[in-house]
Each structure stands twice: as C-alpha cells, then as structure tokens.
C-alpha cells in the first residue's frame, strides 16, 4: 500500500506496518485507525506479479471527491448487509440484500430529465430508456351477451370479433367507411313467394 501526497513526494509510504511510518487518525483512547492525509491522493497498489515478475495488479486512487481504478471496481457488503447511497447527509437509495434497488426518495431522472406528468419509462429493446406518454385509452365493451346463448368475451387487448352470416343473410362490409350492411334474403324470398301466389290467384279468377 502506498500513500502519494500531491505536495511532497518524499512523504510517499510503501508497505510499512509501523505506526510511525503512517499517517493515522486517533480515537478517544489515542489508538490509531485509518489513514488521514491532508491535500493528498491515496494510491492503493496491488503489487501482484506474473511468472516473469511483471506487475499485473491494479491501482486504486482516492481523493476527497473521486475514486478511480484501472481495474474492475466492486463496491459491496457481506453478511447480508444493505448498501446505502447518501448525499448531504441524507440516505436517498439503497440496494437491499435480496437485490432490489430501493429509491427511498421515490425520485428518478433519465439523463437529467424527470419527464412530464403521467409519463412512463419506455425501453427500445436495446437497453436505452426514455420517458413516453401513455397511449390514449379507448372505451370498449369487454363482453357481448346474447340472451340464452354463449357470451363473447375479449381474451386480450386487440382481440377480433368476427361476424358470420347465417342462413338467408348476407353481410356486406366497407373498410373505407367502416360500415357493414346486413341483407335478409329470407324477406326477399318471402316477398317473391307472395307475389307468385297472388299472380296465380289472379289467373284463376280470369
């Protein structure tokens, strides 16, 4: 472990376990704990080497505002402890032990944008998120009931209701006007039958 100060390279400390060689804070009993370096960057060096003696470890740099590493960075807890995030002395979010991200302030921005009222988060399928308006809700019947017969029920949003022409009936639809004409052929046949009977009666009278 090394501590590199920004103002005096001679204060670099590398690996000594002697309290006198390190800069510690002292607790109420005068016992040292932790590192305290004013105006400094803390450099934690992993000195792991390969079989050739070349250093292959990673480095972690800390100052009062930034933490940077040239390797993968893991921040976590063990023994079923939660991970908290706070600003200005107030906890705003945490990861629970069962993997939930709990936004304690119930606030969320996407790239600095809070979205408009009643908007929801949308994904493009590639991991990109954005705010979007809810689609306009249309009023519709969920069931069509015919007395004494089966009830027709929509199974899902966008389900299709199909009309089937029965005996003596034809259906004529027009997609451009969204209309359907129902023609009762039985009435026409009945009218022809009546006309035929009347013609026969007239002939008999003559």
N, C-alpha and C. Protein backbone atom coordinates (compact mmCIF):
# COMPACT_ATOMS: atom_id res chain seq x y z
N UNK A 1 0.85 -1.19 0.00
CA UNK A 1 0.00 0.00 0.00
C UNK A 1 0.88 1.23 0.00
N UNK A 2 0.48 2.25 -0.75
CA UNK A 2 1.26 3.48 -0.80
C UNK A 2 0.35 4.67 -0.68
N UNK A 3 0.84 5.74 -0.07
CA UNK A 3 0.11 7.00 0.03
C UNK A 3 0.94 8.06 -0.68
N UNK A 4 0.44 8.58 -1.78
CA UNK A 4 1.15 9.59 -2.55
C UNK A 4 0.53 10.95 -2.25
N UNK A 5 1.24 11.88 -1.71
CA UNK A 5 0.72 13.22 -1.47
C UNK A 5 0.99 14.10 -2.67
N UNK A 6 0.13 15.06 -2.87
CA UNK A 6 0.29 15.94 -4.03
C UNK A 6 1.33 17.02 -3.79
N UNK A 7 1.67 17.28 -2.53
CA UNK A 7 2.56 18.40 -2.24
C UNK A 7 3.98 17.99 -1.86
N UNK A 8 4.20 16.71 -1.57
CA UNK A 8 5.55 16.31 -1.19
C UNK A 8 5.75 14.83 -1.49
N UNK A 9 6.44 14.54 -2.60
CA UNK A 9 6.66 13.14 -2.98
C UNK A 9 7.48 12.40 -1.95
N UNK A 10 8.23 13.10 -1.13
CA UNK A 10 9.05 12.45 -0.12
C UNK A 10 8.20 11.79 0.96
N UNK A 11 6.92 12.15 1.04
CA UNK A 11 6.04 11.56 2.05
C UNK A 11 5.40 10.26 1.57
N UNK A 12 5.84 9.77 0.43
CA UNK A 12 5.28 8.51 -0.07
C UNK A 12 5.59 7.39 0.92
N UNK A 13 4.59 6.60 1.20
CA UNK A 13 4.74 5.50 2.15
C UNK A 13 4.41 4.20 1.42
N UNK A 14 5.24 3.20 1.55
CA UNK A 14 5.02 1.96 0.80
C UNK A 14 5.18 0.75 1.71
N UNK A 15 4.07 0.25 2.21
CA UNK A 15 4.04 -1.07 2.80
C UNK A 15 4.49 -1.23 4.23
N UNK A 16 4.96 -0.22 4.93
CA UNK A 16 5.42 -0.40 6.29
C UNK A 16 4.24 -0.62 7.22
N UNK A 17 4.42 -1.49 8.23
CA UNK A 17 3.35 -1.73 9.22
C UNK A 17 3.61 -0.97 10.52
N UNK A 18 4.66 -0.18 10.56
CA UNK A 18 4.98 0.60 11.74
C UNK A 18 4.08 1.83 11.80
N UNK A 19 3.39 2.03 12.94
CA UNK A 19 2.50 3.18 13.09
C UNK A 19 3.22 4.49 12.79
N UNK A 20 4.51 4.55 13.16
CA UNK A 20 5.25 5.80 12.98
C UNK A 20 5.48 6.12 11.50
N UNK A 21 5.33 5.12 10.63
CA UNK A 21 5.56 5.35 9.20
C UNK A 21 4.26 5.69 8.47
N UNK A 22 3.16 5.75 9.17
CA UNK A 22 1.87 6.01 8.54
C UNK A 22 1.21 7.22 9.19
N UNK A 23 0.24 7.78 8.46
CA UNK A 23 -0.50 8.92 8.98
C UNK A 23 -1.88 8.43 9.37
N UNK A 24 -2.15 8.37 10.68
CA UNK A 24 -3.40 7.81 11.18
C UNK A 24 -4.23 8.88 11.88
N UNK A 25 -5.54 8.58 11.96
CA UNK A 25 -6.39 9.31 12.89
C UNK A 25 -6.33 8.58 14.23
N UNK A 26 -6.60 9.27 15.30
CA UNK A 26 -6.57 8.66 16.62
C UNK A 26 -7.97 8.70 17.22
N UNK A 27 -8.36 7.59 17.87
CA UNK A 27 -9.65 7.58 18.53
C UNK A 27 -9.54 8.19 19.92
N UNK A 28 -10.62 8.12 20.70
CA UNK A 28 -10.63 8.78 22.01
C UNK A 28 -9.63 8.17 22.98
N UNK A 29 -9.18 6.96 22.72
CA UNK A 29 -8.18 6.31 23.57
C UNK A 29 -6.76 6.54 23.07
N UNK A 30 -6.64 7.30 21.98
CA UNK A 30 -5.31 7.54 21.45
C UNK A 30 -4.82 6.45 20.53
N UNK A 31 -5.70 5.49 20.22
CA UNK A 31 -5.30 4.40 19.33
C UNK A 31 -5.49 4.81 17.88
N UNK A 32 -4.55 4.45 17.02
CA UNK A 32 -4.65 4.85 15.62
C UNK A 32 -5.65 4.01 14.84
N UNK A 33 -6.29 4.64 13.89
CA UNK A 33 -7.16 3.90 12.97
C UNK A 33 -7.22 4.67 11.66
N UNK A 34 -7.25 3.94 10.57
CA UNK A 34 -7.42 4.54 9.26
C UNK A 34 -6.27 5.42 8.84
N UNK A 35 -6.41 5.98 7.65
CA UNK A 35 -5.43 6.92 7.12
C UNK A 35 -6.06 8.30 7.03
N UNK A 36 -5.32 9.30 7.37
CA UNK A 36 -5.79 10.67 7.21
C UNK A 36 -4.66 11.48 6.61
N UNK A 37 -4.86 11.93 5.35
CA UNK A 37 -3.84 12.68 4.66
C UNK A 37 -4.45 13.96 4.15
N UNK A 38 -3.91 15.10 4.53
CA UNK A 38 -4.43 16.38 4.07
C UNK A 38 -3.87 16.71 2.69
N UNK A 39 -4.72 17.25 1.81
CA UNK A 39 -4.29 17.67 0.48
C UNK A 39 -3.54 16.55 -0.23
N UNK A 40 -4.12 15.34 -0.25
CA UNK A 40 -3.38 14.19 -0.77
C UNK A 40 -4.26 13.30 -1.62
N UNK A 41 -3.60 12.50 -2.43
CA UNK A 41 -4.25 11.43 -3.17
C UNK A 41 -3.76 10.10 -2.60
N UNK A 42 -4.67 9.24 -2.21
CA UNK A 42 -4.31 7.93 -1.69
C UNK A 42 -4.19 6.98 -2.88
N UNK A 43 -3.07 6.30 -2.96
CA UNK A 43 -2.82 5.36 -4.05
C UNK A 43 -2.67 3.98 -3.45
N UNK A 44 -3.63 3.11 -3.75
CA UNK A 44 -3.58 1.72 -3.29
C UNK A 44 -3.11 0.87 -4.45
N UNK A 45 -1.98 0.21 -4.27
CA UNK A 45 -1.32 -0.51 -5.36
C UNK A 45 -1.37 -2.01 -5.10
N UNK A 46 -1.97 -2.75 -6.02
CA UNK A 46 -1.92 -4.21 -5.96
C UNK A 46 -0.65 -4.65 -6.67
N UNK A 47 0.32 -5.14 -5.92
CA UNK A 47 1.64 -5.45 -6.49
C UNK A 47 1.75 -6.88 -6.98
N UNK A 48 0.61 -7.51 -7.30
CA UNK A 48 0.65 -8.86 -7.83
C UNK A 48 1.47 -8.91 -9.11
N UNK A 49 2.32 -9.94 -9.21
CA UNK A 49 3.16 -10.09 -10.40
C UNK A 49 2.89 -11.42 -11.07
N UNK A 50 3.26 -11.51 -12.36
CA UNK A 50 3.13 -12.77 -13.08
C UNK A 50 4.40 -13.59 -12.92
N UNK A 51 4.49 -14.71 -13.67
CA UNK A 51 5.63 -15.61 -13.54
C UNK A 51 6.94 -14.97 -13.97
N UNK A 52 6.86 -13.91 -14.76
CA UNK A 52 8.06 -13.21 -15.21
C UNK A 52 8.47 -12.08 -14.27
N UNK A 53 7.67 -11.87 -13.23
CA UNK A 53 7.97 -10.80 -12.30
C UNK A 53 7.38 -9.47 -12.69
N UNK A 54 6.60 -9.43 -13.78
CA UNK A 54 5.98 -8.19 -14.19
C UNK A 54 4.72 -7.94 -13.37
N UNK A 55 4.53 -6.71 -12.95
CA UNK A 55 3.37 -6.38 -12.14
C UNK A 55 2.10 -6.42 -12.98
N UNK A 56 1.12 -7.16 -12.52
CA UNK A 56 -0.14 -7.30 -13.24
C UNK A 56 -1.32 -6.84 -12.39
N UNK A 57 -1.01 -6.33 -11.19
CA UNK A 57 -2.08 -5.87 -10.30
C UNK A 57 -2.66 -4.55 -10.77
N UNK A 58 -3.71 -4.12 -10.08
CA UNK A 58 -4.40 -2.89 -10.44
C UNK A 58 -4.15 -1.82 -9.40
N UNK A 59 -4.51 -0.60 -9.71
CA UNK A 59 -4.31 0.54 -8.84
C UNK A 59 -5.64 1.23 -8.55
N UNK A 60 -5.77 1.71 -7.34
CA UNK A 60 -6.96 2.47 -6.94
C UNK A 60 -6.49 3.82 -6.40
N UNK A 61 -7.09 4.89 -6.90
CA UNK A 61 -6.71 6.24 -6.49
C UNK A 61 -7.91 6.92 -5.83
N UNK A 62 -7.67 7.55 -4.71
CA UNK A 62 -8.72 8.22 -3.95
C UNK A 62 -8.29 9.62 -3.60
N UNK A 63 -9.21 10.56 -3.71
CA UNK A 63 -9.02 11.86 -3.08
C UNK A 63 -10.33 12.22 -2.41
N UNK A 64 -10.51 13.47 -2.06
CA UNK A 64 -11.69 13.85 -1.29
C UNK A 64 -12.98 13.80 -2.11
N UNK A 65 -12.87 13.68 -3.44
CA UNK A 65 -14.08 13.71 -4.26
C UNK A 65 -14.17 12.58 -5.27
N UNK A 66 -13.09 11.89 -5.55
CA UNK A 66 -13.07 10.95 -6.66
C UNK A 66 -12.42 9.63 -6.26
N UNK A 67 -12.95 8.54 -6.85
CA UNK A 67 -12.34 7.23 -6.70
C UNK A 67 -12.18 6.63 -8.10
N UNK A 68 -10.97 6.31 -8.49
CA UNK A 68 -10.68 5.81 -9.83
C UNK A 68 -9.81 4.57 -9.73
N UNK A 69 -10.08 3.59 -10.60
CA UNK A 69 -9.24 2.40 -10.66
C UNK A 69 -9.01 2.01 -12.11
N UNK A 70 -7.88 1.34 -12.36
CA UNK A 70 -7.62 0.85 -13.71
C UNK A 70 -8.06 -0.59 -13.87
N UNK A 71 -8.79 -1.11 -12.89
CA UNK A 71 -9.36 -2.46 -12.98
C UNK A 71 -10.85 -2.41 -12.71
N UNK A 72 -11.48 -3.57 -12.68
CA UNK A 72 -12.91 -3.62 -12.35
C UNK A 72 -13.10 -3.17 -10.91
N UNK A 73 -14.16 -2.42 -10.67
CA UNK A 73 -14.41 -1.87 -9.34
C UNK A 73 -15.64 -2.53 -8.72
N UNK A 74 -15.50 -3.04 -7.54
CA UNK A 74 -16.60 -3.68 -6.82
C UNK A 74 -16.85 -2.91 -5.53
N UNK A 75 -18.08 -2.51 -5.33
CA UNK A 75 -18.50 -1.90 -4.07
C UNK A 75 -19.62 -2.77 -3.51
N UNK A 76 -19.44 -3.33 -2.35
CA UNK A 76 -20.45 -4.24 -1.86
C UNK A 76 -20.33 -4.47 -0.37
N UNK A 77 -21.20 -5.33 0.13
CA UNK A 77 -21.20 -5.71 1.53
C UNK A 77 -21.27 -7.22 1.64
N UNK A 78 -21.00 -7.73 2.82
CA UNK A 78 -21.13 -9.16 3.08
C UNK A 78 -22.02 -9.34 4.29
N UNK A 79 -22.31 -10.61 4.61
CA UNK A 79 -23.10 -10.94 5.80
C UNK A 79 -24.48 -10.29 5.77
N UNK A 80 -25.12 -10.29 4.57
CA UNK A 80 -26.49 -9.80 4.43
C UNK A 80 -26.66 -8.36 4.91
N UNK A 81 -25.74 -7.50 4.51
CA UNK A 81 -25.83 -6.09 4.85
C UNK A 81 -26.24 -5.29 3.62
N UNK A 82 -27.07 -4.26 3.84
CA UNK A 82 -27.53 -3.44 2.73
C UNK A 82 -26.48 -2.40 2.35
N UNK A 83 -26.56 -1.94 1.10
CA UNK A 83 -25.64 -0.92 0.59
C UNK A 83 -26.41 0.38 0.40
N UNK A 84 -25.98 1.43 1.06
CA UNK A 84 -26.70 2.70 1.05
C UNK A 84 -25.96 3.76 0.25
N UNK A 85 -26.73 4.70 -0.31
CA UNK A 85 -26.18 5.84 -1.02
C UNK A 85 -26.81 7.11 -0.45
N UNK A 86 -25.97 8.06 -0.12
CA UNK A 86 -26.47 9.27 0.53
C UNK A 86 -25.77 10.50 -0.02
N UNK A 87 -26.46 11.64 0.03
CA UNK A 87 -25.87 12.94 -0.27
C UNK A 87 -26.36 13.94 0.77
N UNK A 88 -25.52 14.91 1.05
CA UNK A 88 -25.88 15.96 2.00
C UNK A 88 -26.34 15.38 3.33
N UNK A 89 -25.75 14.25 3.72
CA UNK A 89 -26.07 13.64 4.99
C UNK A 89 -27.40 12.90 5.03
N UNK A 90 -28.04 12.73 3.87
CA UNK A 90 -29.34 12.06 3.83
C UNK A 90 -29.27 10.85 2.90
N UNK A 91 -29.75 9.70 3.36
CA UNK A 91 -29.78 8.49 2.54
C UNK A 91 -30.90 8.61 1.52
N UNK A 92 -30.57 8.41 0.25
CA UNK A 92 -31.54 8.55 -0.82
C UNK A 92 -31.88 7.23 -1.53
N UNK A 93 -30.97 6.26 -1.49
CA UNK A 93 -31.21 4.99 -2.19
C UNK A 93 -30.41 3.90 -1.52
N UNK A 94 -30.84 2.67 -1.76
CA UNK A 94 -30.09 1.54 -1.21
C UNK A 94 -30.35 0.29 -2.05
N UNK A 95 -29.37 -0.61 -2.02
CA UNK A 95 -29.55 -1.95 -2.55
C UNK A 95 -29.88 -2.86 -1.38
N UNK A 96 -31.01 -3.56 -1.46
CA UNK A 96 -31.39 -4.46 -0.38
C UNK A 96 -30.66 -5.79 -0.54
N UNK A 97 -30.71 -6.62 0.48
CA UNK A 97 -29.99 -7.89 0.46
C UNK A 97 -30.58 -8.87 -0.54
N UNK A 98 -31.82 -8.63 -0.99
CA UNK A 98 -32.41 -9.52 -1.99
C UNK A 98 -32.34 -8.92 -3.40
N UNK A 99 -31.49 -7.88 -3.58
CA UNK A 99 -31.20 -7.40 -4.93
C UNK A 99 -32.04 -6.25 -5.42
N UNK A 100 -32.93 -5.73 -4.60
CA UNK A 100 -33.76 -4.61 -5.04
C UNK A 100 -32.99 -3.29 -4.94
N UNK A 101 -33.21 -2.39 -5.90
CA UNK A 101 -32.76 -1.01 -5.79
C UNK A 101 -33.94 -0.21 -5.26
N UNK A 102 -33.83 0.26 -4.05
CA UNK A 102 -34.92 0.97 -3.38
C UNK A 102 -34.63 2.46 -3.41
N UNK A 103 -35.41 3.20 -4.21
CA UNK A 103 -35.27 4.65 -4.27
C UNK A 103 -36.07 5.25 -3.11
N UNK A 104 -35.37 5.55 -2.04
CA UNK A 104 -36.05 5.99 -0.82
C UNK A 104 -36.72 7.34 -0.99
N UNK A 105 -36.23 8.16 -1.92
CA UNK A 105 -36.85 9.45 -2.17
C UNK A 105 -37.93 9.36 -3.24
N UNK A 106 -38.09 8.17 -3.86
CA UNK A 106 -39.08 7.96 -4.93
C UNK A 106 -38.89 8.96 -6.06
N UNK A 107 -37.63 9.29 -6.37
CA UNK A 107 -37.33 10.22 -7.45
C UNK A 107 -36.38 9.56 -8.43
N UNK A 108 -36.58 9.88 -9.74
CA UNK A 108 -35.73 9.28 -10.77
C UNK A 108 -35.62 10.25 -11.95
N UNK A 109 -34.40 10.42 -12.45
CA UNK A 109 -34.16 11.20 -13.65
C UNK A 109 -33.50 10.31 -14.70
N UNK A 110 -33.80 10.56 -15.96
CA UNK A 110 -33.12 9.90 -17.07
C UNK A 110 -32.32 10.95 -17.81
N UNK A 111 -31.01 10.89 -17.68
CA UNK A 111 -30.12 11.87 -18.30
C UNK A 111 -30.51 13.29 -17.90
N UNK A 112 -30.84 13.45 -16.62
CA UNK A 112 -31.19 14.77 -16.11
C UNK A 112 -32.63 15.17 -16.33
N UNK A 113 -33.43 14.30 -16.94
CA UNK A 113 -34.82 14.63 -17.29
C UNK A 113 -35.77 13.89 -16.37
N UNK A 114 -36.69 14.62 -15.72
CA UNK A 114 -37.66 13.99 -14.83
C UNK A 114 -38.91 13.53 -15.55
N UNK A 115 -39.05 13.86 -16.85
CA UNK A 115 -40.25 13.50 -17.58
C UNK A 115 -41.40 14.42 -17.23
N UNK A 116 -42.49 14.28 -17.97
CA UNK A 116 -43.70 15.09 -17.73
C UNK A 116 -44.69 14.28 -16.89
N UNK A 117 -45.69 14.96 -16.38
CA UNK A 117 -46.70 14.31 -15.55
C UNK A 117 -47.37 13.17 -16.31
N UNK A 118 -47.51 12.02 -15.62
CA UNK A 118 -48.19 10.82 -16.12
C UNK A 118 -47.41 10.09 -17.22
N UNK A 119 -46.17 10.48 -17.49
CA UNK A 119 -45.35 9.72 -18.43
C UNK A 119 -44.79 8.47 -17.77
N UNK A 120 -44.42 7.49 -18.58
CA UNK A 120 -43.85 6.24 -18.09
C UNK A 120 -42.51 6.01 -18.79
N UNK A 121 -41.71 5.08 -18.26
CA UNK A 121 -40.41 4.76 -18.84
C UNK A 121 -40.59 3.71 -19.93
N UNK A 122 -39.98 3.96 -21.08
CA UNK A 122 -40.06 3.05 -22.22
C UNK A 122 -38.66 2.58 -22.60
N UNK A 123 -38.56 1.30 -22.98
CA UNK A 123 -37.29 0.75 -23.47
C UNK A 123 -37.40 0.51 -24.97
N UNK A 124 -36.28 0.73 -25.69
CA UNK A 124 -36.28 0.46 -27.13
C UNK A 124 -35.85 -0.97 -27.44
N UNK A 125 -35.68 -1.80 -26.41
CA UNK A 125 -35.27 -3.19 -26.63
C UNK A 125 -33.76 -3.37 -26.66
N UNK A 126 -33.02 -2.26 -26.62
CA UNK A 126 -31.56 -2.32 -26.63
C UNK A 126 -30.96 -1.73 -25.35
N UNK A 127 -31.79 -1.58 -24.33
CA UNK A 127 -31.31 -1.06 -23.06
C UNK A 127 -31.37 0.43 -22.93
N UNK A 128 -31.86 1.13 -23.96
CA UNK A 128 -31.99 2.59 -23.91
C UNK A 128 -33.36 2.96 -23.36
N UNK A 129 -33.37 3.80 -22.34
CA UNK A 129 -34.62 4.18 -21.68
C UNK A 129 -34.97 5.63 -21.97
N UNK A 130 -36.27 5.90 -22.02
CA UNK A 130 -36.75 7.26 -22.24
C UNK A 130 -38.14 7.39 -21.64
N UNK A 131 -38.55 8.64 -21.46
CA UNK A 131 -39.91 8.91 -20.98
C UNK A 131 -40.85 8.93 -22.19
N UNK A 132 -42.08 8.44 -21.99
CA UNK A 132 -43.06 8.46 -23.07
C UNK A 132 -44.46 8.61 -22.50
N UNK A 133 -45.37 9.13 -23.33
CA UNK A 133 -46.76 9.28 -22.91
C UNK A 133 -47.49 7.94 -23.00
N UNK A 134 -48.43 7.74 -22.12
CA UNK A 134 -49.27 6.55 -22.20
C UNK A 134 -50.15 6.64 -23.45
N UNK A 135 -50.42 5.52 -24.12
CA UNK A 135 -51.32 5.57 -25.27
C UNK A 135 -52.73 5.96 -24.83
N UNK A 136 -53.45 6.62 -25.73
CA UNK A 136 -54.82 7.04 -25.43
C UNK A 136 -55.69 5.82 -25.17
N UNK A 137 -56.37 5.84 -24.04
CA UNK A 137 -57.23 4.72 -23.69
C UNK A 137 -58.59 4.86 -24.36
N UNK A 138 -59.01 3.83 -25.09
CA UNK A 138 -60.30 3.84 -25.77
C UNK A 138 -61.30 3.00 -24.98
N UNK A 139 -62.51 3.52 -24.87
CA UNK A 139 -63.57 2.78 -24.18
C UNK A 139 -64.12 1.69 -25.11
N UNK A 140 -64.33 0.51 -24.56
CA UNK A 140 -64.84 -0.61 -25.37
C UNK A 140 -65.57 -1.59 -24.46
N UNK A 141 -66.43 -2.42 -25.08
CA UNK A 141 -67.13 -3.46 -24.34
C UNK A 141 -66.24 -4.70 -24.24
N UNK A 142 -66.15 -5.27 -23.07
CA UNK A 142 -65.36 -6.48 -22.90
C UNK A 142 -66.16 -7.73 -23.18
N UNK A 143 -67.52 -7.63 -23.11
CA UNK A 143 -68.38 -8.80 -23.34
C UNK A 143 -69.54 -8.43 -24.25
N UNK A 144 -69.93 -9.37 -25.11
CA UNK A 144 -71.14 -9.25 -25.92
C UNK A 144 -72.05 -10.41 -25.50
N UNK A 145 -73.19 -10.04 -24.94
CA UNK A 145 -74.10 -11.04 -24.38
C UNK A 145 -75.34 -11.17 -25.25
N UNK A 146 -75.64 -12.39 -25.62
CA UNK A 146 -76.88 -12.71 -26.34
C UNK A 146 -77.72 -13.57 -25.41
N UNK A 147 -78.91 -13.11 -25.11
CA UNK A 147 -79.77 -13.81 -24.15
C UNK A 147 -79.99 -15.25 -24.59
N UNK A 148 -79.69 -16.19 -23.69
CA UNK A 148 -79.90 -17.59 -23.96
C UNK A 148 -78.78 -18.24 -24.75
N UNK A 149 -77.70 -17.50 -25.04
CA UNK A 149 -76.59 -18.05 -25.83
C UNK A 149 -75.27 -17.75 -25.14
N UNK A 150 -74.18 -18.23 -25.77
CA UNK A 150 -72.86 -18.02 -25.17
C UNK A 150 -72.49 -16.54 -25.16
N UNK A 151 -71.75 -16.14 -24.10
CA UNK A 151 -71.22 -14.79 -24.02
C UNK A 151 -69.90 -14.70 -24.76
N UNK A 152 -69.75 -13.68 -25.60
CA UNK A 152 -68.50 -13.46 -26.32
C UNK A 152 -67.65 -12.50 -25.49
N UNK A 153 -66.46 -12.95 -25.12
CA UNK A 153 -65.59 -12.17 -24.24
C UNK A 153 -64.24 -11.95 -24.90
N UNK A 154 -63.74 -10.73 -24.83
CA UNK A 154 -62.41 -10.43 -25.39
C UNK A 154 -61.35 -11.11 -24.53
N UNK A 155 -60.46 -11.89 -25.16
CA UNK A 155 -59.41 -12.61 -24.44
C UNK A 155 -58.18 -11.74 -24.18
N UNK A 156 -57.99 -10.72 -25.00
CA UNK A 156 -56.82 -9.86 -24.86
C UNK A 156 -57.09 -8.53 -25.56
N UNK A 157 -56.22 -7.55 -25.31
CA UNK A 157 -56.34 -6.27 -25.98
C UNK A 157 -56.13 -6.46 -27.48
N UNK A 158 -57.00 -5.89 -28.29
CA UNK A 158 -56.89 -6.04 -29.74
C UNK A 158 -57.51 -7.32 -30.26
N UNK A 159 -58.29 -8.02 -29.43
CA UNK A 159 -58.97 -9.23 -29.89
C UNK A 159 -59.97 -8.88 -30.98
N UNK A 160 -60.27 -9.84 -31.87
CA UNK A 160 -61.12 -9.61 -33.03
C UNK A 160 -62.47 -10.29 -32.88
N UNK A 161 -63.53 -9.56 -33.17
CA UNK A 161 -64.88 -10.10 -33.19
C UNK A 161 -65.28 -10.36 -34.65
N UNK A 162 -65.62 -11.60 -34.96
CA UNK A 162 -65.95 -11.99 -36.34
C UNK A 162 -67.46 -12.22 -36.48
N UNK A 163 -68.08 -11.56 -37.49
CA UNK A 163 -69.49 -11.78 -37.81
C UNK A 163 -69.60 -12.84 -38.90
N UNK A 164 -70.47 -13.80 -38.68
CA UNK A 164 -70.70 -14.87 -39.66
C UNK A 164 -72.15 -14.81 -40.12
N UNK A 165 -72.34 -14.76 -41.44
CA UNK A 165 -73.69 -14.70 -41.99
C UNK A 165 -74.38 -16.05 -41.86
N UNK A 166 -75.58 -16.05 -41.30
CA UNK A 166 -76.34 -17.28 -41.17
C UNK A 166 -77.17 -17.54 -42.43
N UNK A 167 -78.03 -18.54 -42.36
CA UNK A 167 -78.87 -18.90 -43.50
C UNK A 167 -79.82 -17.76 -43.85
N UNK A 168 -79.84 -17.38 -45.13
CA UNK A 168 -80.73 -16.32 -45.59
C UNK A 168 -80.24 -14.93 -45.28
N UNK A 169 -78.97 -14.80 -44.89
CA UNK A 169 -78.42 -13.49 -44.55
C UNK A 169 -77.08 -13.31 -45.27
N UNK A 170 -76.85 -12.14 -45.83
CA UNK A 170 -75.55 -11.79 -46.38
C UNK A 170 -75.03 -10.54 -45.67
N UNK A 171 -73.69 -10.47 -45.53
CA UNK A 171 -73.04 -9.33 -44.89
C UNK A 171 -72.16 -8.63 -45.91
N UNK A 172 -72.32 -7.32 -46.00
CA UNK A 172 -71.54 -6.53 -46.95
C UNK A 172 -70.80 -5.44 -46.17
N UNK A 173 -69.45 -5.55 -46.13
CA UNK A 173 -68.65 -4.59 -45.36
C UNK A 173 -67.94 -3.61 -46.28
N UNK A 174 -67.69 -2.42 -45.75
CA UNK A 174 -66.97 -1.37 -46.48
C UNK A 174 -65.88 -0.82 -45.56
N UNK A 175 -64.60 -1.19 -45.85
CA UNK A 175 -63.50 -0.78 -45.00
C UNK A 175 -63.24 0.71 -45.01
N UNK A 176 -63.54 1.38 -46.13
CA UNK A 176 -63.28 2.82 -46.22
C UNK A 176 -64.24 3.64 -45.38
N UNK A 177 -65.46 3.13 -45.20
CA UNK A 177 -66.46 3.86 -44.41
C UNK A 177 -66.72 3.19 -43.06
N UNK A 178 -66.05 2.04 -42.81
CA UNK A 178 -66.21 1.30 -41.56
C UNK A 178 -67.67 0.95 -41.30
N UNK A 179 -68.34 0.45 -42.35
CA UNK A 179 -69.76 0.10 -42.21
C UNK A 179 -69.97 -1.34 -42.65
N UNK A 180 -71.09 -1.92 -42.19
CA UNK A 180 -71.50 -3.26 -42.59
C UNK A 180 -73.00 -3.26 -42.85
N UNK A 181 -73.39 -3.79 -44.00
CA UNK A 181 -74.81 -3.87 -44.37
C UNK A 181 -75.25 -5.31 -44.24
N UNK A 182 -76.35 -5.51 -43.53
CA UNK A 182 -76.92 -6.85 -43.35
C UNK A 182 -78.14 -6.98 -44.25
N UNK A 183 -78.12 -7.95 -45.15
CA UNK A 183 -79.23 -8.17 -46.07
C UNK A 183 -79.93 -9.47 -45.68
N UNK A 184 -81.22 -9.38 -45.42
CA UNK A 184 -82.01 -10.55 -45.05
C UNK A 184 -82.63 -11.15 -46.31
N UNK A 185 -82.03 -12.19 -46.83
CA UNK A 185 -82.51 -12.81 -48.07
C UNK A 185 -83.86 -13.49 -47.86
N UNK A 186 -84.16 -13.95 -46.70
CA UNK A 186 -85.42 -14.63 -46.45
C UNK A 186 -86.60 -13.70 -46.71
N UNK A 187 -86.48 -12.43 -46.43
CA UNK A 187 -87.57 -11.49 -46.68
C UNK A 187 -87.82 -11.35 -48.18
N UNK A 188 -86.75 -11.33 -48.96
CA UNK A 188 -86.92 -11.24 -50.41
C UNK A 188 -87.58 -12.49 -50.96
N UNK A 189 -87.15 -13.65 -50.44
CA UNK A 189 -87.76 -14.89 -50.91
C UNK A 189 -89.25 -14.95 -50.54
N UNK A 190 -89.55 -14.48 -49.33
CA UNK A 190 -90.94 -14.47 -48.89
C UNK A 190 -91.77 -13.54 -49.77
N UNK A 191 -91.20 -12.38 -50.13
CA UNK A 191 -91.90 -11.43 -51.00
C UNK A 191 -92.16 -12.05 -52.37
N UNK A 192 -91.18 -12.73 -52.93
CA UNK A 192 -91.37 -13.39 -54.23
C UNK A 192 -92.44 -14.47 -54.15
N UNK A 193 -92.43 -15.19 -53.02
CA UNK A 193 -93.46 -16.23 -52.86
C UNK A 193 -94.85 -15.63 -52.81
N UNK A 194 -95.00 -14.52 -52.09
CA UNK A 194 -96.31 -13.85 -52.01
C UNK A 194 -96.74 -13.36 -53.37
N UNK A 195 -95.82 -12.75 -54.13
CA UNK A 195 -96.15 -12.26 -55.46
C UNK A 195 -96.58 -13.40 -56.36
N UNK A 196 -95.87 -14.52 -56.28
CA UNK A 196 -96.22 -15.68 -57.11
C UNK A 196 -97.62 -16.19 -56.80
N UNK A 197 -97.93 -16.27 -55.52
CA UNK A 197 -99.26 -16.75 -55.12
C UNK A 197 -100.35 -15.79 -55.61
N UNK A 198 -100.09 -14.49 -55.50
CA UNK A 198 -101.07 -13.52 -55.95
C UNK A 198 -101.29 -13.62 -57.45
N UNK A 199 -100.22 -13.83 -58.22
CA UNK A 199 -100.36 -13.98 -59.68
C UNK A 199 -101.20 -15.21 -60.02
N UNK A 200 -100.97 -16.28 -59.25
CA UNK A 200 -101.74 -17.49 -59.51
C UNK A 200 -103.23 -17.27 -59.21
N UNK A 201 -103.53 -16.53 -58.14
CA UNK A 201 -104.92 -16.24 -57.79
C UNK A 201 -105.59 -15.41 -58.89
N UNK A 202 -104.86 -14.40 -59.39
CA UNK A 202 -105.39 -13.54 -60.46
C UNK A 202 -105.70 -14.34 -61.71
N UNK A 203 -104.80 -15.29 -62.05
CA UNK A 203 -105.02 -16.10 -63.25
C UNK A 203 -106.25 -16.97 -63.09
N UNK A 204 -106.45 -17.49 -61.89
CA UNK A 204 -107.60 -18.37 -61.68
C UNK A 204 -108.91 -17.57 -61.77
N UNK A 205 -108.88 -16.34 -61.30
CA UNK A 205 -110.08 -15.52 -61.37
C UNK A 205 -110.43 -15.22 -62.82
N UNK A 206 -109.40 -14.99 -63.64
CA UNK A 206 -109.66 -14.66 -65.03
C UNK A 206 -110.21 -15.91 -65.76
